[in-house]
């Protein structure tokens, strides 16, 4: 298994913007995030059944030190 940073630019209120996922491939990571964070009743009830979020996975390099994800919501 590998660790992936999965992000989307398709964001609005009450939606996830990114996730750190463990999966074998980037396609599995993207599908897992879509299935768990986009394809659910709360999102469908608010945005409609045709709403899509396009997720993009990037493998996390475990060989170097760094911040994987920092989420700052100013407001």
PDB file of N, CA and C in Angstrom:
ATOM      1  N   UNK A   1       0.838  -1.186   0.000  1.00  0.00           N
ATOM      2  CA  UNK A   1       0.000   0.000   0.000  1.00  0.00           C
ATOM      3  C   UNK A   1       0.883   1.251   0.000  1.00  0.00           C
ATOM      4  N   UNK A   2       0.321   2.316  -0.501  1.00  0.00           N
ATOM      5  CA  UNK A   2       1.009   3.606  -0.564  1.00  0.00           C
ATOM      6  C   UNK A   2       0.138   4.662   0.101  1.00  0.00           C
ATOM      7  N   UNK A   3       0.741   5.801   0.396  1.00  0.00           N
ATOM      8  CA  UNK A   3       0.014   6.920   0.996  1.00  0.00           C
ATOM      9  C   UNK A   3      -0.124   8.010  -0.057  1.00  0.00           C
ATOM     10  N   UNK A   4      -1.348   8.537  -0.198  1.00  0.00           N
ATOM     11  CA  UNK A   4      -1.655   9.527  -1.237  1.00  0.00           C
ATOM     12  C   UNK A   4      -2.275  10.778  -0.616  1.00  0.00           C
ATOM     13  N   UNK A   5      -1.914  11.921  -1.154  1.00  0.00           N
ATOM     14  CA  UNK A   5      -2.593  13.174  -0.866  1.00  0.00           C
ATOM     15  C   UNK A   5      -3.576  13.383  -2.008  1.00  0.00           C
ATOM     16  N   UNK A   6      -4.862  13.406  -1.688  1.00  0.00           N
ATOM     17  CA  UNK A   6      -5.902  13.512  -2.705  1.00  0.00           C
ATOM     18  C   UNK A   6      -6.609  14.851  -2.506  1.00  0.00           C
ATOM     19  N   UNK A   7      -6.652  15.669  -3.565  1.00  0.00           N
ATOM     20  CA  UNK A   7      -7.213  17.020  -3.474  1.00  0.00           C
ATOM     21  C   UNK A   7      -8.195  17.269  -4.612  1.00  0.00           C
ATOM     22  N   UNK A   8      -9.031  18.281  -4.410  1.00  0.00           N
ATOM     23  CA  UNK A   8      -9.953  18.722  -5.449  1.00  0.00           C
ATOM     24  C   UNK A   8      -9.993  20.242  -5.480  1.00  0.00           C
ATOM     25  N   UNK A   9     -10.274  20.794  -6.645  1.00  0.00           N
ATOM     26  CA  UNK A   9     -10.528  22.231  -6.781  1.00  0.00           C
ATOM     27  C   UNK A   9     -12.016  22.521  -6.791  1.00  0.00           C
ATOM     28  N   UNK A  10     -12.829  21.462  -6.803  1.00  0.00           N
ATOM     29  CA  UNK A  10     -14.290  21.597  -6.844  1.00  0.00           C
ATOM     30  C   UNK A  10     -14.821  21.677  -5.421  1.00  0.00           C
ATOM     31  N   UNK A  11     -14.654  22.853  -4.798  1.00  0.00           N
ATOM     32  CA  UNK A  11     -15.073  22.994  -3.409  1.00  0.00           C
ATOM     33  C   UNK A  11     -16.096  24.099  -3.253  1.00  0.00           C
ATOM     34  N   UNK A  12     -16.868  23.962  -2.219  1.00  0.00           N
ATOM     35  CA  UNK A  12     -17.883  24.935  -1.842  1.00  0.00           C
ATOM     36  C   UNK A  12     -18.098  24.734  -0.349  1.00  0.00           C
ATOM     37  N   UNK A  13     -19.107  25.376   0.190  1.00  0.00           N
ATOM     38  CA  UNK A  13     -19.405  25.198   1.601  1.00  0.00           C
ATOM     39  C   UNK A  13     -19.752  23.743   1.904  1.00  0.00           C
ATOM     40  N   UNK A  14     -19.319  23.279   3.060  1.00  0.00           N
ATOM     41  CA  UNK A  14     -19.653  21.951   3.573  1.00  0.00           C
ATOM     42  C   UNK A  14     -19.168  20.808   2.697  1.00  0.00           C
ATOM     43  N   UNK A  15     -18.035  20.992   2.028  1.00  0.00           N
ATOM     44  CA  UNK A  15     -17.429  19.935   1.224  1.00  0.00           C
ATOM     45  C   UNK A  15     -15.982  19.735   1.652  1.00  0.00           C
ATOM     46  N   UNK A  16     -15.490  18.527   1.479  1.00  0.00           N
ATOM     47  CA  UNK A  16     -14.088  18.248   1.734  1.00  0.00           C
ATOM     48  C   UNK A  16     -13.244  18.765   0.575  1.00  0.00           C
ATOM     49  N   UNK A  17     -12.047  19.223   0.895  1.00  0.00           N
ATOM     50  CA  UNK A  17     -11.120  19.730  -0.109  1.00  0.00           C
ATOM     51  C   UNK A  17      -9.954  18.784  -0.332  1.00  0.00           C
ATOM     52  N   UNK A  18      -9.592  17.991   0.684  1.00  0.00           N
ATOM     53  CA  UNK A  18      -8.449  17.087   0.546  1.00  0.00           C
ATOM     54  C   UNK A  18      -8.531  15.984   1.592  1.00  0.00           C
ATOM     55  N   UNK A  19      -7.738  14.943   1.352  1.00  0.00           N
ATOM     56  CA  UNK A  19      -7.654  13.814   2.275  1.00  0.00           C
ATOM     57  C   UNK A  19      -6.331  13.106   2.079  1.00  0.00           C
ATOM     58  N   UNK A  20      -5.837  12.491   3.136  1.00  0.00           N
ATOM     59  CA  UNK A  20      -4.671  11.627   3.055  1.00  0.00           C
ATOM     60  C   UNK A  20      -5.197  10.208   3.107  1.00  0.00           C
ATOM     61  N   UNK A  21      -4.838   9.398   2.099  1.00  0.00           N
ATOM     62  CA  UNK A  21      -5.455   8.094   1.886  1.00  0.00           C
ATOM     63  C   UNK A  21      -4.383   7.018   1.731  1.00  0.00           C
ATOM     64  N   UNK A  22      -4.676   5.838   2.236  1.00  0.00           N
ATOM     65  CA  UNK A  22      -3.828   4.669   2.012  1.00  0.00           C
ATOM     66  C   UNK A  22      -4.529   3.788   0.988  1.00  0.00           C
ATOM     67  N   UNK A  23      -3.857   3.543  -0.137  1.00  0.00           N
ATOM     68  CA  UNK A  23      -4.411   2.713  -1.217  1.00  0.00           C
ATOM     69  C   UNK A  23      -3.256   2.199  -2.075  1.00  0.00           C
ATOM     70  N   UNK A  24      -3.544   1.199  -2.869  1.00  0.00           N
ATOM     71  CA  UNK A  24      -2.504   0.602  -3.719  1.00  0.00           C
ATOM     72  C   UNK A  24      -2.134   1.494  -4.903  1.00  0.00           C
ATOM     73  N   UNK A  25      -3.115   2.169  -5.513  1.00  0.00           N
ATOM     74  CA  UNK A  25      -2.865   2.998  -6.691  1.00  0.00           C
ATOM     75  C   UNK A  25      -3.535   4.355  -6.544  1.00  0.00           C
ATOM     76  N   UNK A  26      -3.124   5.302  -7.405  1.00  0.00           N
ATOM     77  CA  UNK A  26      -3.757   6.632  -7.341  1.00  0.00           C
ATOM     78  C   UNK A  26      -5.225   6.557  -7.749  1.00  0.00           C
ATOM     79  N   UNK A  27      -5.569   5.669  -8.661  1.00  0.00           N
ATOM     80  CA  UNK A  27      -6.972   5.527  -9.063  1.00  0.00           C
ATOM     81  C   UNK A  27      -7.828   5.004  -7.918  1.00  0.00           C
ATOM     82  N   UNK A  28      -7.296   4.047  -7.159  1.00  0.00           N
ATOM     83  CA  UNK A  28      -8.028   3.534  -5.997  1.00  0.00           C
ATOM     84  C   UNK A  28      -8.185   4.624  -4.940  1.00  0.00           C
ATOM     85  N   UNK A  29      -7.159   5.432  -4.742  1.00  0.00           N
ATOM     86  CA  UNK A  29      -7.230   6.525  -3.777  1.00  0.00           C
ATOM     87  C   UNK A  29      -8.290   7.545  -4.191  1.00  0.00           C
ATOM     88  N   UNK A  30      -8.303   7.919  -5.462  1.00  0.00           N
ATOM     89  CA  UNK A  30      -9.288   8.882  -5.959  1.00  0.00           C
ATOM     90  C   UNK A  30     -10.704   8.319  -5.838  1.00  0.00           C
ATOM     91  N   UNK A  31     -10.894   7.051  -6.166  1.00  0.00           N
ATOM     92  CA  UNK A  31     -12.221   6.432  -6.078  1.00  0.00           C
ATOM     93  C   UNK A  31     -12.682   6.345  -4.621  1.00  0.00           C
ATOM     94  N   UNK A  32     -11.787   5.979  -3.726  1.00  0.00           N
ATOM     95  CA  UNK A  32     -12.139   5.871  -2.315  1.00  0.00           C
ATOM     96  C   UNK A  32     -12.622   7.216  -1.769  1.00  0.00           C
ATOM     97  N   UNK A  33     -11.899   8.279  -2.091  1.00  0.00           N
ATOM     98  CA  UNK A  33     -12.290   9.609  -1.620  1.00  0.00           C
ATOM     99  C   UNK A  33     -13.622  10.026  -2.237  1.00  0.00           C
ATOM    100  N   UNK A  34     -13.793   9.793  -3.537  1.00  0.00           N
ATOM    101  CA  UNK A  34     -15.064  10.138  -4.173  1.00  0.00           C
ATOM    102  C   UNK A  34     -16.217   9.362  -3.516  1.00  0.00           C
ATOM    103  N   UNK A  35     -16.003   8.077  -3.299  1.00  0.00           N
ATOM    104  CA  UNK A  35     -17.054   7.221  -2.730  1.00  0.00           C
ATOM    105  C   UNK A  35     -17.428   7.645  -1.310  1.00  0.00           C
ATOM    106  N   UNK A  36     -16.441   7.999  -0.508  1.00  0.00           N
ATOM    107  CA  UNK A  36     -16.698   8.307   0.905  1.00  0.00           C
ATOM    108  C   UNK A  36     -17.026   9.782   1.166  1.00  0.00           C
ATOM    109  N   UNK A  37     -16.473  10.698   0.362  1.00  0.00           N
ATOM    110  CA  UNK A  37     -16.631  12.120   0.676  1.00  0.00           C
ATOM    111  C   UNK A  37     -17.533  12.872  -0.292  1.00  0.00           C
ATOM    112  N   UNK A  38     -17.711  12.394  -1.511  1.00  0.00           N
ATOM    113  CA  UNK A  38     -18.564  13.077  -2.484  1.00  0.00           C
ATOM    114  C   UNK A  38     -19.877  12.336  -2.681  1.00  0.00           C
ATOM    115  N   UNK A  39     -19.821  11.033  -2.826  1.00  0.00           N
ATOM    116  CA  UNK A  39     -20.993  10.224  -3.142  1.00  0.00           C
ATOM    117  C   UNK A  39     -21.715   9.829  -1.853  1.00  0.00           C
ATOM    118  N   UNK A  40     -22.303  10.807  -1.180  1.00  0.00           N
ATOM    119  CA  UNK A  40     -23.057  10.497   0.032  1.00  0.00           C
ATOM    120  C   UNK A  40     -24.338  11.327   0.078  1.00  0.00           C
ATOM    121  N   UNK A  41     -25.244  10.948   0.929  1.00  0.00           N
ATOM    122  CA  UNK A  41     -26.576  11.573   0.975  1.00  0.00           C
ATOM    123  C   UNK A  41     -26.531  13.050   1.321  1.00  0.00           C
ATOM    124  N   UNK A  42     -25.647  13.448   2.238  1.00  0.00           N
ATOM    125  CA  UNK A  42     -25.593  14.859   2.619  1.00  0.00           C
ATOM    126  C   UNK A  42     -25.218  15.738   1.436  1.00  0.00           C
ATOM    127  N   UNK A  43     -24.218  15.327   0.670  1.00  0.00           N
ATOM    128  CA  UNK A  43     -23.803  16.095  -0.508  1.00  0.00           C
ATOM    129  C   UNK A  43     -24.916  16.082  -1.547  1.00  0.00           C
ATOM    130  N   UNK A  44     -25.498  14.908  -1.788  1.00  0.00           N
ATOM    131  CA  UNK A  44     -26.577  14.794  -2.780  1.00  0.00           C
ATOM    132  C   UNK A  44     -27.785  15.646  -2.390  1.00  0.00           C
ATOM    133  N   UNK A  45     -28.153  15.645  -1.116  1.00  0.00           N
ATOM    134  CA  UNK A  45     -29.303  16.430  -0.671  1.00  0.00           C
ATOM    135  C   UNK A  45     -29.083  17.926  -0.862  1.00  0.00           C
ATOM    136  N   UNK A  46     -27.848  18.387  -0.685  1.00  0.00           N
ATOM    137  CA  UNK A  46     -27.574  19.810  -0.792  1.00  0.00           C
ATOM    138  C   UNK A  46     -27.253  20.245  -2.219  1.00  0.00           C
ATOM    139  N   UNK A  47     -26.442  19.454  -2.942  1.00  0.00           N
ATOM    140  CA  UNK A  47     -25.967  19.862  -4.256  1.00  0.00           C
ATOM    141  C   UNK A  47     -26.670  19.165  -5.413  1.00  0.00           C
ATOM    142  N   UNK A  48     -27.464  18.139  -5.116  1.00  0.00           N
ATOM    143  CA  UNK A  48     -28.159  17.408  -6.166  1.00  0.00           C
ATOM    144  C   UNK A  48     -27.383  16.170  -6.590  1.00  0.00           C
ATOM    145  N   UNK A  49     -28.069  15.243  -7.194  1.00  0.00           N
ATOM    146  CA  UNK A  49     -27.462  13.954  -7.540  1.00  0.00           C
ATOM    147  C   UNK A  49     -26.464  14.058  -8.697  1.00  0.00           C
ATOM    148  N   UNK A  50     -26.485  15.130  -9.461  1.00  0.00           N
ATOM    149  CA  UNK A  50     -25.575  15.290 -10.604  1.00  0.00           C
ATOM    150  C   UNK A  50     -24.259  15.969 -10.217  1.00  0.00           C
ATOM    151  N   UNK A  51     -24.107  16.374  -8.954  1.00  0.00           N
ATOM    152  CA  UNK A  51     -22.904  17.078  -8.516  1.00  0.00           C
ATOM    153  C   UNK A  51     -21.688  16.160  -8.593  1.00  0.00           C
ATOM    154  N   UNK A  52     -20.588  16.679  -9.095  1.00  0.00           N
ATOM    155  CA  UNK A  52     -19.340  15.917  -9.199  1.00  0.00           C
ATOM    156  C   UNK A  52     -18.197  16.699  -8.571  1.00  0.00           C
ATOM    157  N   UNK A  53     -17.319  15.982  -7.919  1.00  0.00           N
ATOM    158  CA  UNK A  53     -16.034  16.519  -7.494  1.00  0.00           C
ATOM    159  C   UNK A  53     -14.979  15.675  -8.180  1.00  0.00           C
ATOM    160  N   UNK A  54     -14.038  16.308  -8.832  1.00  0.00           N
ATOM    161  CA  UNK A  54     -12.937  15.593  -9.479  1.00  0.00           C
ATOM    162  C   UNK A  54     -11.739  15.602  -8.543  1.00  0.00           C
ATOM    163  N   UNK A  55     -11.319  14.415  -8.131  1.00  0.00           N
ATOM    164  CA  UNK A  55     -10.230  14.254  -7.179  1.00  0.00           C
ATOM    165  C   UNK A  55      -8.947  13.863  -7.908  1.00  0.00           C
ATOM    166  N   UNK A  56      -7.811  14.351  -7.407  1.00  0.00           N
ATOM    167  CA  UNK A  56      -6.516  14.082  -8.016  1.00  0.00           C
ATOM    168  C   UNK A  56      -5.538  13.633  -6.930  1.00  0.00           C
ATOM    169  N   UNK A  57      -4.981  12.423  -7.094  1.00  0.00           N
ATOM    170  CA  UNK A  57      -4.081  11.857  -6.096  1.00  0.00           C
ATOM    171  C   UNK A  57      -2.625  12.065  -6.483  1.00  0.00           C
ATOM    172  N   UNK A  58      -1.824  12.314  -5.469  1.00  0.00           N
ATOM    173  CA  UNK A  58      -0.376  12.456  -5.635  1.00  0.00           C
ATOM    174  C   UNK A  58       0.274  11.660  -4.517  1.00  0.00           C
ATOM    175  N   UNK A  59       1.197  10.778  -4.877  1.00  0.00           N
ATOM    176  CA  UNK A  59       1.842   9.950  -3.862  1.00  0.00           C
ATOM    177  C   UNK A  59       2.683  10.809  -2.929  1.00  0.00           C
ATOM    178  N   UNK A  60       2.621  10.491  -1.645  1.00  0.00           N
ATOM    179  CA  UNK A  60       3.395  11.211  -0.643  1.00  0.00           C
ATOM    180  C   UNK A  60       4.773  10.572  -0.540  1.00  0.00           C
ATOM    181  N   UNK A  61       5.797  11.385  -0.647  1.00  0.00           N
ATOM    182  CA  UNK A  61       7.176  10.925  -0.551  1.00  0.00           C
ATOM    183  C   UNK A  61       7.538  10.777   0.927  1.00  0.00           C
ATOM    184  N   UNK A  62       7.772   9.548   1.362  1.00  0.00           N
ATOM    185  CA  UNK A  62       8.111   9.287   2.760  1.00  0.00           C
ATOM    186  C   UNK A  62       9.604   9.383   3.031  1.00  0.00           C
ATOM    187  N   UNK A  63      10.387   9.699   2.014  1.00  0.00           N
ATOM    188  CA  UNK A  63      11.831   9.777   2.166  1.00  0.00           C
ATOM    189  C   UNK A  63      12.322  11.146   2.627  1.00  0.00           C
ATOM    190  N   UNK A  64      11.446  12.136   2.618  1.00  0.00           N
ATOM    191  CA  UNK A  64      11.904  13.448   3.056  1.00  0.00           C
ATOM    192  C   UNK A  64      10.898  14.055   4.031  1.00  0.00           C
ATOM    193  N   UNK A  65      11.413  14.863   4.928  1.00  0.00           N
ATOM    194  CA  UNK A  65      10.603  15.502   5.944  1.00  0.00           C
ATOM    195  C   UNK A  65       9.765  16.612   5.335  1.00  0.00           C
ATOM    196  N   UNK A  66       8.554  16.769   5.797  1.00  0.00           N
ATOM    197  CA  UNK A  66       7.722  17.864   5.307  1.00  0.00           C
ATOM    198  C   UNK A  66       6.304  17.766   5.835  1.00  0.00           C
ATOM    199  N   UNK A  67       5.539  18.781   5.607  1.00  0.00           N
ATOM    200  CA  UNK A  67       4.134  18.812   6.003  1.00  0.00           C
ATOM    201  C   UNK A  67       3.324  18.225   4.867  1.00  0.00           C
ATOM    202  N   UNK A  68       2.493  17.260   5.166  1.00  0.00           N
ATOM    203  CA  UNK A  68       1.668  16.623   4.147  1.00  0.00           C
ATOM    204  C   UNK A  68       0.416  17.443   3.900  1.00  0.00           C
ATOM    205  N   UNK A  69      -0.235  17.904   4.951  1.00  0.00           N
ATOM    206  CA  UNK A  69      -1.488  18.630   4.801  1.00  0.00           C
ATOM    207  C   UNK A  69      -1.643  19.598   5.971  1.00  0.00           C
ATOM    208  N   UNK A  70      -1.912  20.840   5.659  1.00  0.00           N
ATOM    209  CA  UNK A  70      -2.218  21.846   6.672  1.00  0.00           C
ATOM    210  C   UNK A  70      -3.436  22.604   6.182  1.00  0.00           C
ATOM    211  N   UNK A  71      -4.526  22.532   6.888  1.00  0.00           N
ATOM    212  CA  UNK A  71      -5.771  23.144   6.453  1.00  0.00           C
ATOM    213  C   UNK A  71      -6.084  24.328   7.356  1.00  0.00           C
ATOM    214  N   UNK A  72      -6.070  25.515   6.789  1.00  0.00           N
ATOM    215  CA  UNK A  72      -6.308  26.745   7.548  1.00  0.00           C
ATOM    216  C   UNK A  72      -7.532  27.453   6.988  1.00  0.00           C
ATOM    217  N   UNK A  73      -8.561  27.561   7.773  1.00  0.00           N
ATOM    218  CA  UNK A  73      -9.781  28.261   7.377  1.00  0.00           C
ATOM    219  C   UNK A  73      -9.853  29.580   8.117  1.00  0.00           C
ATOM    220  N   UNK A  74      -9.593  30.646   7.423  1.00  0.00           N
ATOM    221  CA  UNK A  74      -9.688  31.965   8.045  1.00  0.00           C
ATOM    222  C   UNK A  74     -11.152  32.406   8.028  1.00  0.00           C
ATOM    223  N   UNK A  75     -11.549  33.091   9.054  1.00  0.00           N
ATOM    224  CA  UNK A  75     -12.911  33.572   9.017  1.00  0.00           C
ATOM    225  C   UNK A  75     -13.409  34.156  10.264  1.00  0.00           C
TER     226      UNK A  75
END
